[in-house]
Each structure stands twice: as C-alpha cells, then as structure tokens.
Amino acid sequence: MSRFNAFKRTNTILHHLRMSKHTDAAAEVLLEKKGCAGVITLNRPKFLNTLTLNMIRQIYSQLKKWEQDPETFLIIIKGAGGKAFCAGGDIRVISEAEKAKQNIAPVFFREEYMLNNAVGSCQKPYVALIHGITMGGGVGLSIHGQFRVATEKCLFAMPETAIGLFPDVGGGYFLPRLQGKLGYFLALTGFRLKGRDVYRAGIATHFVDSEKLAMLEEDLLALKSPSKENIASVLENYHTESKIDRDKSFMLEEHMDKINSCFSANTVEEIIENLKQDGSSFALEQLKVINKMSPTSLKITLRQLMEGSSKTLQEVLTMEYRLSQACMRGHDFHEGVRA
C-alpha cells in the first residue's frame, strides 16, 4: 500500500513538473536579464500580444525589481512574432466577464494604469521596440517610456471611440501634447499612422529599419554599465543610418492646417460643423469616420483631452480610471466590443 502511495506521489510530482514546464513554454510574457538589460517580451503572438491581467501583474512586479537592481542599466520591451508589439488590452475578456457579473474590470484597469504610471516614472532608461501593431494598451506600455523605436512595420492607432471607450492608458496626457490638434484628430477618428509617420507625429523618438532591429538590440545589450546618454547615442546612430521613407514628408503634413482649424473646438458638434463647412474630400472623409463612432465616446474623449492637457500623467490616469468604470456601466462599450 505504501509503495502504491509513493508511486502515486511520484506521478503527481512528475505531472506538476510537466505542467510547470508546459506553462513556462506557453508563458504570456518572458522576463529575462540579458547583459546590462532587463528584457520584457510580450509573448501572445497568436493574439497580437494583447495584454492580460496576468501579464500586467508580471511586468509590473519585475519592472519594480529591475528599477532597484544596481546591475540593471536599462529595460527593453518588445513583442514576439513580428506582427504586433501589442494590439491593446484583452477587452473581449473584460466585456464577457462584466456580462457574467464577474467584476474584473475595476482590477484590470487599475493595475493596467498603475503599470502605465510605473513606465512613466521608471528610474531606468526604458526602450520600447514598437515593431508591428501598436494600439491602445500597447501604446500605454511604450509611449510613457523614455525611448520609443518605430520601424516601417509599425502601425499606431488609438481606436477606442469605435468600441465605446476613450483613448485611455494615459491618452489624455500624451495626445493633447502632440503638435497642433493632431492628438485630438487621432483620438476622435482612430486614424492609423504607419512607419516613419509614427516618428514624425512625435509618438516614437527614433526610427529604425526593421531588418536592423535585432542588431540594435544586440548593441544595446552589449553596452557596459551604460548611461542614458550612451543608450541615446546607440539609438541615434541607427536612426541616422535608417533609409526607409527618409525623403517622404509626413502623410498628414498637407492636412495639418485643416486638422488644426477643424479640431479647434470645445464641442463635438462644432468639430462636425467645421468639417462640413470645410467641405474638402479630407474633411468629409473624417466626418464619415466620426459618424460611425460612439457619440458618447466622442464627447468623453474631447473632454478628456481638454482636461488632460493641463494635468500630470498621474492625474490623467486617475481621471481615466474613473471614466473607464463609468464606461463599463454603460451600453456602448459592450456593444462596441461585440460588434
């Protein structure tokens, strides 16, 4: 009998070991110390590296440890699979949980915004390699850090007005601080910026050809006790050597006057009226887009950016947390996710 129990116990242990190995292999986020850096790899390529609560928690606690570690001189964050850096938070899971009366939204949003703030206040140089789709929650993981490196495959957008939400994760802080009314335009329409335009808009700090990305990472990891200036210098060298779309102008350059005049308004109704009055094909195209968005989201978003333009990142995240919970109680978010 005791031999049978020992056999059973061994089997259980083996099963657990197999399971833990399997879980490691399927880890949603990889956290590794390489050379002088802590490296975060978002590891859900099949789901475009969308963020789960589990990932948020792991990144947050590791970030805090690396920040205190004298042997860690910089932090690099990237996405696995080449298609996406991070396409956002896993909103479908949140919506389904809310409908099933499982209240994960307050926890998810609070911890996500705490992570955004941790990135914004990180004491170590933070380098986000925003290669591929970078939207919503993925923007929150990168934009508040010191360095954001875009490639020609980068696709940036804050598409929240289409799903009954608002451009959160600190959108109320960084969007109104972009040139002119560009941030208001991006927030309300969900307009997508690609490649070097992500840099030209001021969202990325550097631009690198994607084929050089692995080399850039190796060069950063090879640095010995680097300062912020050493890291900036490596990024600058790669940026200067980059040739893709170097001679093209910013895709919205010719429309900036229109964007600045049409989106300089205190109400959504005025913006709509401005676009109608302008009557150009560009203005009418934006009008068509805005008319498909959640009207509530448009109004919340405009107010969010106006208020956020004079707040600190922490104040904005507090405001956005309250807004997110109000949206969870409404109808548009759940309908937006379903649609």
Foldseek 3Di string as FASTA:
>chain_A
DVVVVVVVVVVVVVVVVVVVVVCVVQPQWDWDDFAQATEIEREPVVQLSADDQVSLVVCVVVLVVLLPDPSHAEYEQAYPDQAFRYQYHPVVVCLVCVVVVNHCLLVSLVSLLVQLVCQLPRPHQYEYEGGHEQEQSSLSNHQSGDAYEYAQRHKYWHPVLLQLAWRASLLLAVLLVWPANRSLLRGLLRDIDGGCLCVVRVRGVAYAHPVCVVVLVVVVSPDDSDHPVVNVVSRVVRRVPHDPCPVPDNPCVVVRVLSNVLSPDQAPVSSLVSLVVVVDPVSVVSNVSNVSGDRVRSGVHSVSNVVNHPDDSVVSSVVSSVRSVVSSPDDRNSVSVVD
